[in-house]
PDB file of N, CA and C in Angstrom:
ATOM      1  N   MET A   1      -0.788   0.063  13.421  1.00  0.00           N
ATOM      2  CA  MET A   1      -0.143  -0.013  11.873  1.00  0.00           C
ATOM      3  C   MET A   1       1.367   0.341  12.241  1.00  0.00           C
ATOM      4  N   GLN A   2       2.062  -0.467  11.156  1.00  0.00           N
ATOM      5  CA  GLN A   2       3.499  -0.142  11.908  1.00  0.00           C
ATOM      6  C   GLN A   2       4.113  -0.628  10.468  1.00  0.00           C
ATOM      7  N   ILE A   3       5.372   0.240   9.902  1.00  0.00           N
ATOM      8  CA  ILE A   3       5.995  -0.286   8.904  1.00  0.00           C
ATOM      9  C   ILE A   3       6.862  -0.958   9.305  1.00  0.00           C
ATOM     10  N   GLU A   4       7.662  -1.991   8.413  1.00  0.00           N
ATOM     11  CA  GLU A   4       8.385  -2.667   8.695  1.00  0.00           C
ATOM     12  C   GLU A   4       9.472  -2.295   7.042  1.00  0.00           C
ATOM     13  N   HIS A   5      10.492  -2.012   8.178  1.00  0.00           N
ATOM     14  CA  HIS A   5      11.758  -1.214   6.875  1.00  0.00           C
ATOM     15  C   HIS A   5      12.451  -2.580   6.709  1.00  0.00           C
ATOM     16  N   TRP A   6      13.133  -2.598   5.384  1.00  0.00           N
ATOM     17  CA  TRP A   6      14.336  -3.261   5.010  1.00  0.00           C
ATOM     18  C   TRP A   6      15.264  -3.531   5.837  1.00  0.00           C
ATOM     19  N   ASP A   7      15.990  -4.400   5.665  1.00  0.00           N
ATOM     20  CA  ASP A   7      16.982  -4.695   6.782  1.00  0.00           C
ATOM     21  C   ASP A   7      18.124  -5.803   6.285  1.00  0.00           C
ATOM     22  N   GLU A   8      19.227  -4.950   5.562  1.00  0.00           N
ATOM     23  CA  GLU A   8      20.014  -5.945   4.556  1.00  0.00           C
ATOM     24  C   GLU A   8      20.454  -6.688   5.134  1.00  0.00           C
ATOM     25  N   ALA A   9      21.013  -6.580   6.535  1.00  0.00           N
ATOM     26  CA  ALA A   9      21.491  -7.715   7.242  1.00  0.00           C
ATOM     27  C   ALA A   9      21.211  -9.278   7.270  1.00  0.00           C
ATOM     28  N   ARG A  10      19.435  -8.743   7.297  1.00  0.00           N
ATOM     29  CA  ARG A  10      18.649 -10.033   7.551  1.00  0.00           C
ATOM     30  C   ARG A  10      18.087 -10.459   6.061  1.00  0.00           C
ATOM     31  N   ASP A  11      17.946  -9.293   5.087  1.00  0.00           N
ATOM     32  CA  ASP A  11      17.105  -9.339   3.973  1.00  0.00           C
ATOM     33  C   ASP A  11      18.052  -9.712   2.423  1.00  0.00           C
ATOM     34  N   GLY A  12      19.257  -9.048   2.889  1.00  0.00           N
ATOM     35  CA  GLY A  12      20.072  -8.922   1.626  1.00  0.00           C
ATOM     36  C   GLY A  12      19.735  -7.218   0.951  1.00  0.00           C
ATOM     37  N   GLU A  13      20.316  -7.428  -0.245  1.00  0.00           N
ATOM     38  CA  GLU A  13      20.155  -5.835  -0.806  1.00  0.00           C
ATOM     39  C   GLU A  13      18.772  -6.144  -1.171  1.00  0.00           C
ATOM     40  N   LEU A  14      18.566  -4.528  -1.091  1.00  0.00           N
ATOM     41  CA  LEU A  14      17.285  -4.467  -1.580  1.00  0.00           C
ATOM     42  C   LEU A  14      17.023  -4.488  -3.142  1.00  0.00           C
ATOM     43  N   THR A  15      16.428  -5.352  -3.584  1.00  0.00           N
ATOM     44  CA  THR A  15      16.016  -5.745  -5.473  1.00  0.00           C
ATOM     45  C   THR A  15      14.714  -6.233  -5.203  1.00  0.00           C
ATOM     46  N   GLU A  16      14.308  -6.100  -6.314  1.00  0.00           N
ATOM     47  CA  GLU A  16      12.681  -6.227  -6.339  1.00  0.00           C
ATOM     48  C   GLU A  16      12.785  -7.973  -6.040  1.00  0.00           C
ATOM     49  N   ALA A  17      13.941  -9.165  -6.739  1.00  0.00           N
ATOM     50  CA  ALA A  17      13.684 -10.465  -6.620  1.00  0.00           C
ATOM     51  C   ALA A  17      13.811 -10.760  -4.906  1.00  0.00           C
ATOM     52  N   ASN A  18      14.691  -9.676  -4.497  1.00  0.00           N
ATOM     53  CA  ASN A  18      14.885 -10.435  -2.691  1.00  0.00           C
ATOM     54  C   ASN A  18      13.425 -10.097  -2.082  1.00  0.00           C
ATOM     55  N   MET A  19      12.778  -8.809  -2.203  1.00  0.00           N
ATOM     56  CA  MET A  19      11.255  -8.417  -1.994  1.00  0.00           C
ATOM     57  C   MET A  19      10.451  -9.286  -2.202  1.00  0.00           C
ATOM     58  N   ARG A  20      10.414  -9.508  -3.570  1.00  0.00           N
ATOM     59  CA  ARG A  20       9.536 -10.970  -4.307  1.00  0.00           C
ATOM     60  C   ARG A  20       9.436 -12.120  -2.921  1.00  0.00           C
ATOM     61  N   ARG A  21      10.653 -12.223  -2.797  1.00  0.00           N
ATOM     62  CA  ARG A  21      11.104 -13.940  -2.573  1.00  0.00           C
ATOM     63  C   ARG A  21      10.424 -13.525  -0.832  1.00  0.00           C
ATOM     64  N   LYS A  22      10.518 -12.318  -0.033  1.00  0.00           N
ATOM     65  CA  LYS A  22      10.263 -12.479   0.903  1.00  0.00           C
ATOM     66  C   LYS A  22       8.727 -12.416   1.347  1.00  0.00           C
ATOM     67  N   LEU A  23       8.230 -11.973   0.577  1.00  0.00           N
ATOM     68  CA  LEU A  23       6.693 -11.783   0.432  1.00  0.00           C
ATOM     69  C   LEU A  23       6.042 -13.153   0.129  1.00  0.00           C
ATOM     70  N   GLU A  24       6.488 -14.016  -0.564  1.00  0.00           N
ATOM     71  CA  GLU A  24       6.109 -14.819  -1.326  1.00  0.00           C
ATOM     72  C   GLU A  24       6.157 -15.922  -0.245  1.00  0.00           C
ATOM     73  N   ALA A  25       7.548 -16.273   0.308  1.00  0.00           N
ATOM     74  CA  ALA A  25       7.891 -16.920   1.849  1.00  0.00           C
ATOM     75  C   ALA A  25       6.632 -16.521   3.060  1.00  0.00           C
ATOM     76  N   ARG A  26       5.958 -15.608   3.003  1.00  0.00           N
ATOM     77  CA  ARG A  26       4.685 -15.305   3.784  1.00  0.00           C
ATOM     78  C   ARG A  26       3.183 -15.935   3.478  1.00  0.00           C
ATOM     79  N   GLY A  27       3.693 -16.171   2.348  1.00  0.00           N
ATOM     80  CA  GLY A  27       2.055 -16.845   2.021  1.00  0.00           C
ATOM     81  C   GLY A  27       1.489 -15.648   1.022  1.00  0.00           C
ATOM     82  N   TYR A  28       1.999 -15.047   0.243  1.00  0.00           N
ATOM     83  CA  TYR A  28       1.299 -13.927  -0.588  1.00  0.00           C
ATOM     84  C   TYR A  28       2.016 -14.142  -2.353  1.00  0.00           C
ATOM     85  N   ARG A  29       0.822 -13.759  -2.839  1.00  0.00           N
ATOM     86  CA  ARG A  29       1.203 -13.674  -4.387  1.00  0.00           C
ATOM     87  C   ARG A  29       1.128 -12.217  -4.632  1.00  0.00           C
ATOM     88  N   VAL A  30       2.750 -12.237  -5.623  1.00  0.00           N
ATOM     89  CA  VAL A  30       3.069 -10.788  -5.462  1.00  0.00           C
ATOM     90  C   VAL A  30       3.220 -10.121  -7.244  1.00  0.00           C
ATOM     91  N   SER A  31       2.402  -8.649  -6.880  1.00  0.00           N
ATOM     92  CA  SER A  31       2.584  -8.480  -8.409  1.00  0.00           C
ATOM     93  C   SER A  31       3.115  -6.845  -8.384  1.00  0.00           C
ATOM     94  N   ARG A  32       3.943  -6.582  -9.568  1.00  0.00           N
ATOM     95  CA  ARG A  32       4.789  -5.625  -9.498  1.00  0.00           C
ATOM     96  C   ARG A  32       3.564  -4.286 -10.112  1.00  0.00           C
ATOM     97  N   TYR A  33       3.672  -3.157  -9.372  1.00  0.00           N
ATOM     98  CA  TYR A  33       3.242  -2.195 -10.116  1.00  0.00           C
ATOM     99  C   TYR A  33       3.995  -0.899 -10.586  1.00  0.00           C
ATOM    100  N   LEU A  34       3.924  -0.009 -11.552  1.00  0.00           N
ATOM    101  CA  LEU A  34       4.810   1.419 -11.720  1.00  0.00           C
ATOM    102  C   LEU A  34       3.461   2.282 -11.649  1.00  0.00           C
ATOM    103  N   TYR A  35       3.449   3.511 -10.577  1.00  0.00           N
ATOM    104  CA  TYR A  35       2.672   4.565 -10.203  1.00  0.00           C
ATOM    105  C   TYR A  35       3.103   5.678 -10.710  1.00  0.00           C
ATOM    106  N   PRO A  36       2.786   5.919 -11.640  1.00  0.00           N
ATOM    107  CA  PRO A  36       3.896   7.620 -12.247  1.00  0.00           C
ATOM    108  C   PRO A  36       2.904   8.928 -10.893  1.00  0.00           C
ATOM    109  N   PRO A  37       3.721  10.093 -11.338  1.00  0.00           N
ATOM    110  CA  PRO A  37       3.635  10.826 -10.166  1.00  0.00           C
ATOM    111  C   PRO A  37       2.016  11.411 -10.433  1.00  0.00           C
ATOM    112  N   GLY A  38       1.571  11.579  -9.335  1.00  0.00           N
ATOM    113  CA  GLY A  38       0.005  12.018  -9.505  1.00  0.00           C
ATOM    114  C   GLY A  38      -0.882  11.235  -9.055  1.00  0.00           C
ATOM    115  N   THR A  39      -0.322  10.032  -9.104  1.00  0.00           N
ATOM    116  CA  THR A  39      -1.215   8.491  -8.934  1.00  0.00           C
ATOM    117  C   THR A  39      -2.008   8.914  -7.231  1.00  0.00           C
ATOM    118  N   TYR A  40      -3.274   8.610  -7.552  1.00  0.00           N
ATOM    119  CA  TYR A  40      -4.218   8.746  -6.183  1.00  0.00           C
ATOM    120  C   TYR A  40      -5.400   7.724  -6.100  1.00  0.00           C
ATOM    121  N   PHE A  41      -5.254   6.704  -5.129  1.00  0.00           N
ATOM    122  CA  PHE A  41      -6.396   5.753  -5.060  1.00  0.00           C
ATOM    123  C   PHE A  41      -7.128   6.305  -3.821  1.00  0.00           C
ATOM    124  N   PRO A  42      -8.360   7.017  -3.794  1.00  0.00           N
ATOM    125  CA  PRO A  42      -9.463   7.135  -3.492  1.00  0.00           C
ATOM    126  C   PRO A  42      -9.345   5.706  -1.945  1.00  0.00           C
ATOM    127  N   GLU A  43     -10.407   6.323  -0.772  1.00  0.00           N
ATOM    128  CA  GLU A  43     -10.382   5.309   0.322  1.00  0.00           C
ATOM    129  C   GLU A  43     -11.448   4.316  -0.083  1.00  0.00           C
ATOM    130  N   HIS A  44     -10.549   3.110  -0.292  1.00  0.00           N
ATOM    131  CA  HIS A  44     -11.264   2.018  -0.587  1.00  0.00           C
ATOM    132  C   HIS A  44     -11.034   0.480   0.408  1.00  0.00           C
ATOM    133  N   ASP A  45     -11.207  -0.357   0.334  1.00  0.00           N
ATOM    134  CA  ASP A  45     -10.763  -1.858   0.944  1.00  0.00           C
ATOM    135  C   ASP A  45     -10.569  -2.771  -0.017  1.00  0.00           C
ATOM    136  N   HIS A  46      -9.994  -4.111   0.374  1.00  0.00           N
ATOM    137  CA  HIS A  46     -10.156  -5.473   0.065  1.00  0.00           C
ATOM    138  C   HIS A  46     -10.768  -6.356   0.837  1.00  0.00           C
ATOM    139  N   PRO A  47     -11.213  -7.272   0.061  1.00  0.00           N
ATOM    140  CA  PRO A  47     -11.453  -8.467   0.846  1.00  0.00           C
ATOM    141  C   PRO A  47     -10.871  -9.559   1.177  1.00  0.00           C
ATOM    142  N   VAL A  48      -9.141  -9.057   1.092  1.00  0.00           N
ATOM    143  CA  VAL A  48      -7.986 -10.123   1.403  1.00  0.00           C
ATOM    144  C   VAL A  48      -7.105  -9.547   2.007  1.00  0.00           C
ATOM    145  N   ASP A  49      -6.143 -10.373   2.825  1.00  0.00           N
ATOM    146  CA  ASP A  49      -4.989  -9.392   3.338  1.00  0.00           C
ATOM    147  C   ASP A  49      -4.201  -8.882   2.432  1.00  0.00           C
ATOM    148  N   LYS A  50      -3.566  -7.822   2.321  1.00  0.00           N
ATOM    149  CA  LYS A  50      -2.340  -7.833   1.891  1.00  0.00           C
ATOM    150  C   LYS A  50      -1.243  -6.543   2.001  1.00  0.00           C
ATOM    151  N   ILE A  51      -0.136  -6.835   1.381  1.00  0.00           N
ATOM    152  CA  ILE A  51       1.011  -6.028   1.799  1.00  0.00           C
ATOM    153  C   ILE A  51       1.453  -5.537   0.352  1.00  0.00           C
ATOM    154  N   ASP A  52       1.596  -4.111   1.129  1.00  0.00           N
ATOM    155  CA  ASP A  52       2.422  -3.067   0.036  1.00  0.00           C
ATOM    156  C   ASP A  52       3.505  -2.838   0.300  1.00  0.00           C
ATOM    157  N   GLY A  53       4.758  -3.324  -0.419  1.00  0.00           N
ATOM    158  CA  GLY A  53       5.814  -2.707  -0.368  1.00  0.00           C
ATOM    159  C   GLY A  53       6.601  -2.305  -1.359  1.00  0.00           C
ATOM    160  N   VAL A  54       7.431  -0.986  -1.001  1.00  0.00           N
ATOM    161  CA  VAL A  54       8.121   0.039  -1.784  1.00  0.00           C
ATOM    162  C   VAL A  54       9.537  -0.120  -2.268  1.00  0.00           C
ATOM    163  N   LEU A  55       9.715  -0.382  -3.702  1.00  0.00           N
ATOM    164  CA  LEU A  55      10.986  -0.256  -4.016  1.00  0.00           C
ATOM    165  C   LEU A  55      11.650   1.238  -4.204  1.00  0.00           C
ATOM    166  N   SER A  56      11.100   1.939  -4.916  1.00  0.00           N
ATOM    167  CA  SER A  56      11.629   3.066  -4.735  1.00  0.00           C
ATOM    168  C   SER A  56      10.313   4.126  -4.943  1.00  0.00           C
ATOM    169  N   GLY A  57      10.289   5.407  -4.721  1.00  0.00           N
ATOM    170  CA  GLY A  57       9.546   6.749  -4.852  1.00  0.00           C
ATOM    171  C   GLY A  57       8.984   7.052  -3.342  1.00  0.00           C
ATOM    172  N   ARG A  58       8.227   7.515  -3.228  1.00  0.00           N
ATOM    173  CA  ARG A  58       7.608   7.916  -1.962  1.00  0.00           C
ATOM    174  C   ARG A  58       6.106   7.720  -1.964  1.00  0.00           C
ATOM    175  N   PHE A  59       5.440   6.661  -1.517  1.00  0.00           N
ATOM    176  CA  PHE A  59       4.075   6.685  -1.163  1.00  0.00           C
ATOM    177  C   PHE A  59       3.187   7.046  -0.060  1.00  0.00           C
ATOM    178  N   ARG A  60       2.628   7.814  -0.094  1.00  0.00           N
ATOM    179  CA  ARG A  60       1.465   8.110   0.949  1.00  0.00           C
ATOM    180  C   ARG A  60       0.794   7.283   0.981  1.00  0.00           C
ATOM    181  N   MET A  61       0.218   6.412   2.502  1.00  0.00           N
ATOM    182  CA  MET A  61      -0.821   5.791   2.817  1.00  0.00           C
ATOM    183  C   MET A  61      -1.788   6.270   4.104  1.00  0.00           C
ATOM    184  N   VAL A  62      -3.108   6.023   3.668  1.00  0.00           N
ATOM    185  CA  VAL A  62      -3.605   6.273   5.035  1.00  0.00           C
ATOM    186  C   VAL A  62      -4.447   5.602   5.699  1.00  0.00           C
ATOM    187  N   LEU A  63      -4.305   4.860   6.289  1.00  0.00           N
ATOM    188  CA  LEU A  63      -4.635   3.426   6.702  1.00  0.00           C
ATOM    189  C   LEU A  63      -5.767   3.434   8.058  1.00  0.00           C
ATOM    190  N   GLU A  64      -7.192   3.485   7.651  1.00  0.00           N
ATOM    191  CA  GLU A  64      -7.951   3.747   8.873  1.00  0.00           C
ATOM    192  C   GLU A  64      -7.588   5.033   9.743  1.00  0.00           C
ATOM    193  N   GLY A  65      -7.417   6.025   9.161  1.00  0.00           N
ATOM    194  CA  GLY A  65      -7.250   8.083   9.657  1.00  0.00           C
ATOM    195  C   GLY A  65      -5.879   7.699  10.072  1.00  0.00           C
ATOM    196  N   ALA A  66      -4.947   7.121   9.780  1.00  0.00           N
ATOM    197  CA  ALA A  66      -3.176   7.559  10.697  1.00  0.00           C
ATOM    198  C   ALA A  66      -2.886   7.366   8.806  1.00  0.00           C
ATOM    199  N   SER A  67      -2.105   8.413   8.656  1.00  0.00           N
ATOM    200  CA  SER A  67      -1.298   8.761   7.386  1.00  0.00           C
ATOM    201  C   SER A  67       0.398   8.286   7.820  1.00  0.00           C
ATOM    202  N   LEU A  68       0.928   7.907   6.667  1.00  0.00           N
ATOM    203  CA  LEU A  68       2.336   7.760   6.794  1.00  0.00           C
ATOM    204  C   LEU A  68       2.704   7.378   5.441  1.00  0.00           C
ATOM    205  N   VAL A  69       4.325   7.707   5.648  1.00  0.00           N
ATOM    206  CA  VAL A  69       4.784   8.211   4.281  1.00  0.00           C
ATOM    207  C   VAL A  69       5.743   6.731   4.057  1.00  0.00           C
ATOM    208  N   LEU A  70       5.338   5.965   2.872  1.00  0.00           N
ATOM    209  CA  LEU A  70       6.640   4.273   2.740  1.00  0.00           C
ATOM    210  C   LEU A  70       7.532   5.078   1.469  1.00  0.00           C
ATOM    211  N   GLU A  71       8.626   4.628   2.262  1.00  0.00           N
ATOM    212  CA  GLU A  71       9.892   4.728   1.083  1.00  0.00           C
ATOM    213  C   GLU A  71      10.528   3.588   0.613  1.00  0.00           C
ATOM    214  N   ALA A  72      11.658   3.469  -0.647  1.00  0.00           N
ATOM    215  CA  ALA A  72      12.574   2.363  -0.645  1.00  0.00           C
ATOM    216  C   ALA A  72      12.702   1.649   0.529  1.00  0.00           C
ATOM    217  N   GLY A  73      12.122   0.097   0.338  1.00  0.00           N
ATOM    218  CA  GLY A  73      12.412  -0.420   1.312  1.00  0.00           C
ATOM    219  C   GLY A  73      10.962  -1.077   2.245  1.00  0.00           C
ATOM    220  N   ASP A  74      10.103   0.163   2.487  1.00  0.00           N
ATOM    221  CA  ASP A  74       9.748   0.000   3.492  1.00  0.00           C
ATOM    222  C   ASP A  74       8.070  -1.108   2.947  1.00  0.00           C
ATOM    223  N   ILE A  75       7.745  -1.699   4.110  1.00  0.00           N
ATOM    224  CA  ILE A  75       6.713  -2.753   3.693  1.00  0.00           C
ATOM    225  C   ILE A  75       5.457  -2.617   4.786  1.00  0.00           C
ATOM    226  N   LEU A  76       4.071  -2.495   4.461  1.00  0.00           N
ATOM    227  CA  LEU A  76       2.986  -2.410   4.935  1.00  0.00           C
ATOM    228  C   LEU A  76       2.030  -3.413   4.989  1.00  0.00           C
ATOM    229  N   ALA A  77       1.665  -3.969   6.186  1.00  0.00           N
ATOM    230  CA  ALA A  77       0.576  -4.606   5.984  1.00  0.00           C
ATOM    231  C   ALA A  77      -0.776  -4.369   5.778  1.00  0.00           C
ATOM    232  N   VAL A  78      -1.758  -4.347   4.964  1.00  0.00           N
ATOM    233  CA  VAL A  78      -3.338  -3.958   5.017  1.00  0.00           C
ATOM    234  C   VAL A  78      -3.947  -5.010   5.092  1.00  0.00           C
ATOM    235  N   PRO A  79      -4.716  -4.857   6.241  1.00  0.00           N
ATOM    236  CA  PRO A  79      -5.650  -6.348   6.804  1.00  0.00           C
ATOM    237  C   PRO A  79      -6.808  -6.260   5.717  1.00  0.00           C
ATOM    238  N   LYS A  80      -7.392  -7.400   5.762  1.00  0.00           N
ATOM    239  CA  LYS A  80      -8.806  -7.457   4.711  1.00  0.00           C
ATOM    240  C   LYS A  80      -9.394  -6.469   5.513  1.00  0.00           C
ATOM    241  N   HIS A  81     -10.288  -5.460   4.737  1.00  0.00           N
ATOM    242  CA  HIS A  81     -11.463  -4.744   5.120  1.00  0.00           C
ATOM    243  C   HIS A  81     -11.107  -3.647   5.770  1.00  0.00           C
ATOM    244  N   ALA A  82      -9.771  -3.370   5.675  1.00  0.00           N
ATOM    245  CA  ALA A  82      -9.689  -1.737   6.560  1.00  0.00           C
ATOM    246  C   ALA A  82      -9.469  -0.987   5.633  1.00  0.00           C
ATOM    247  N   GLN A  83     -10.212   0.295   5.468  1.00  0.00           N
ATOM    248  CA  GLN A  83     -10.061   1.524   4.843  1.00  0.00           C
ATOM    249  C   GLN A  83      -8.818   2.047   4.480  1.00  0.00           C
ATOM    250  N   HIS A  84      -8.357   2.381   3.531  1.00  0.00           N
ATOM    251  CA  HIS A  84      -7.224   2.893   3.033  1.00  0.00           C
ATOM    252  C   HIS A  84      -7.488   3.505   1.849  1.00  0.00           C
ATOM    253  N   SER A  85      -6.127   4.757   1.705  1.00  0.00           N
ATOM    254  CA  SER A  85      -6.184   5.287   0.268  1.00  0.00           C
ATOM    255  C   SER A  85      -4.405   5.513   0.256  1.00  0.00           C
ATOM    256  N   ALA A  86      -4.443   5.962  -1.057  1.00  0.00           N
ATOM    257  CA  ALA A  86      -2.587   6.343  -1.441  1.00  0.00           C
ATOM    258  C   ALA A  86      -2.406   7.069  -2.594  1.00  0.00           C
ATOM    259  N   GLU A  87      -1.254   7.631  -2.184  1.00  0.00           N
ATOM    260  CA  GLU A  87      -0.734   8.725  -3.294  1.00  0.00           C
ATOM    261  C   GLU A  87       0.653   8.590  -3.764  1.00  0.00           C
ATOM    262  N   VAL A  88       1.032   8.697  -4.854  1.00  0.00           N
ATOM    263  CA  VAL A  88       2.204   8.921  -5.105  1.00  0.00           C
ATOM    264  C   VAL A  88       2.712  10.420  -4.746  1.00  0.00           C
ATOM    265  N   ILE A  89       3.957  10.490  -4.218  1.00  0.00           N
ATOM    266  CA  ILE A  89       3.961  11.540  -2.898  1.00  0.00           C
ATOM    267  C   ILE A  89       5.587  12.073  -4.594  1.00  0.00           C
ATOM    268  N   GLY A  90       5.555  13.523  -4.846  1.00  0.00           N
ATOM    269  CA  GLY A  90       6.816  14.376  -5.510  1.00  0.00           C
ATOM    270  C   GLY A  90       6.740  13.839  -6.855  1.00  0.00           C
ATOM    271  N   ASP A  91       7.674  13.922  -7.748  1.00  0.00           N
ATOM    272  CA  ASP A  91       7.886  13.923  -9.083  1.00  0.00           C
ATOM    273  C   ASP A  91       8.546  12.844  -9.402  1.00  0.00           C
ATOM    274  N   ARG A  92       9.037  11.513  -8.677  1.00  0.00           N
ATOM    275  CA  ARG A  92       9.057  10.108  -9.069  1.00  0.00           C
ATOM    276  C   ARG A  92       8.085   9.302  -9.323  1.00  0.00           C
ATOM    277  N   PRO A  93       8.471   8.479  -9.686  1.00  0.00           N
ATOM    278  CA  PRO A  93       7.069   7.499 -10.109  1.00  0.00           C
ATOM    279  C   PRO A  93       7.295   6.345  -8.998  1.00  0.00           C
ATOM    280  N   VAL A  94       6.469   5.703  -8.227  1.00  0.00           N
ATOM    281  CA  VAL A  94       6.666   4.588  -7.156  1.00  0.00           C
ATOM    282  C   VAL A  94       6.715   3.046  -7.900  1.00  0.00           C
ATOM    283  N   VAL A  95       7.435   2.459  -7.913  1.00  0.00           N
ATOM    284  CA  VAL A  95       7.512   0.803  -7.988  1.00  0.00           C
ATOM    285  C   VAL A  95       7.340   0.068  -6.571  1.00  0.00           C
ATOM    286  N   SER A  96       6.042  -0.773  -6.873  1.00  0.00           N
ATOM    287  CA  SER A  96       5.747  -0.836  -5.553  1.00  0.00           C
ATOM    288  C   SER A  96       5.370  -2.568  -5.889  1.00  0.00           C
ATOM    289  N   LEU A  97       5.643  -3.244  -4.913  1.00  0.00           N
ATOM    290  CA  LEU A  97       5.413  -4.937  -5.097  1.00  0.00           C
ATOM    291  C   LEU A  97       3.705  -4.892  -4.313  1.00  0.00           C
ATOM    292  N   ASP A  98       3.135  -5.398  -4.835  1.00  0.00           N
ATOM    293  CA  ASP A  98       1.594  -5.608  -4.163  1.00  0.00           C
ATOM    294  C   ASP A  98       1.363  -6.840  -4.034  1.00  0.00           C
ATOM    295  N   ALA A  99       1.047  -7.516  -2.471  1.00  0.00           N
ATOM    296  CA  ALA A  99       1.066  -8.893  -2.117  1.00  0.00           C
ATOM    297  C   ALA A  99      -0.138  -9.012  -1.705  1.00  0.00           C
ATOM    298  N   VAL A 100      -0.859 -10.321  -2.221  1.00  0.00           N
ATOM    299  CA  VAL A 100      -2.162 -10.678  -1.673  1.00  0.00           C
ATOM    300  C   VAL A 100      -1.908 -12.197  -0.987  1.00  0.00           C
ATOM    301  N   ARG A 101      -2.918 -12.167   0.121  1.00  0.00           N
ATOM    302  CA  ARG A 101      -2.597 -13.604   0.868  1.00  0.00           C
ATOM    303  C   ARG A 101      -2.869 -14.481  -0.356  1.00  0.00           C
ATOM    304  N   ALA A 102      -2.221 -15.588  -0.836  1.00  0.00           N
ATOM    305  CA  ALA A 102      -2.619 -16.641  -1.512  1.00  0.00           C
ATOM    306  C   ALA A 102      -3.715 -17.256  -0.707  1.00  0.00           C
ATOM    307  N   ALA A 103      -4.428 -18.018  -1.734  1.00  0.00           N
ATOM    308  CA  ALA A 103      -5.453 -19.120  -1.182  1.00  0.00           C
ATOM    309  C   ALA A 103      -5.378 -20.356  -0.739  1.00  0.00           C
TER     310      ALA A 103
END
């Protein structure tokens, strides 16, 4: 499990449009979500490969037992059927782009 950090030299300014373009270019369908403080998703999995990209806030992910914190500009690939949980950390909401592999 490895976080990909936003690289302004390569990817341009961190904006929703730029992150969306980056994820779509990889063959993903992208949805935007706003998670308020206190949001928690218990351990679960998905039947498709997905990517979580954070535009703002802090999002703790536990992926197959390993814990890490995603911050603005961080992107994490979550393979299909990988057990994971997530929670918003702190008192700021998380704005996230949730991308799933397009069929």
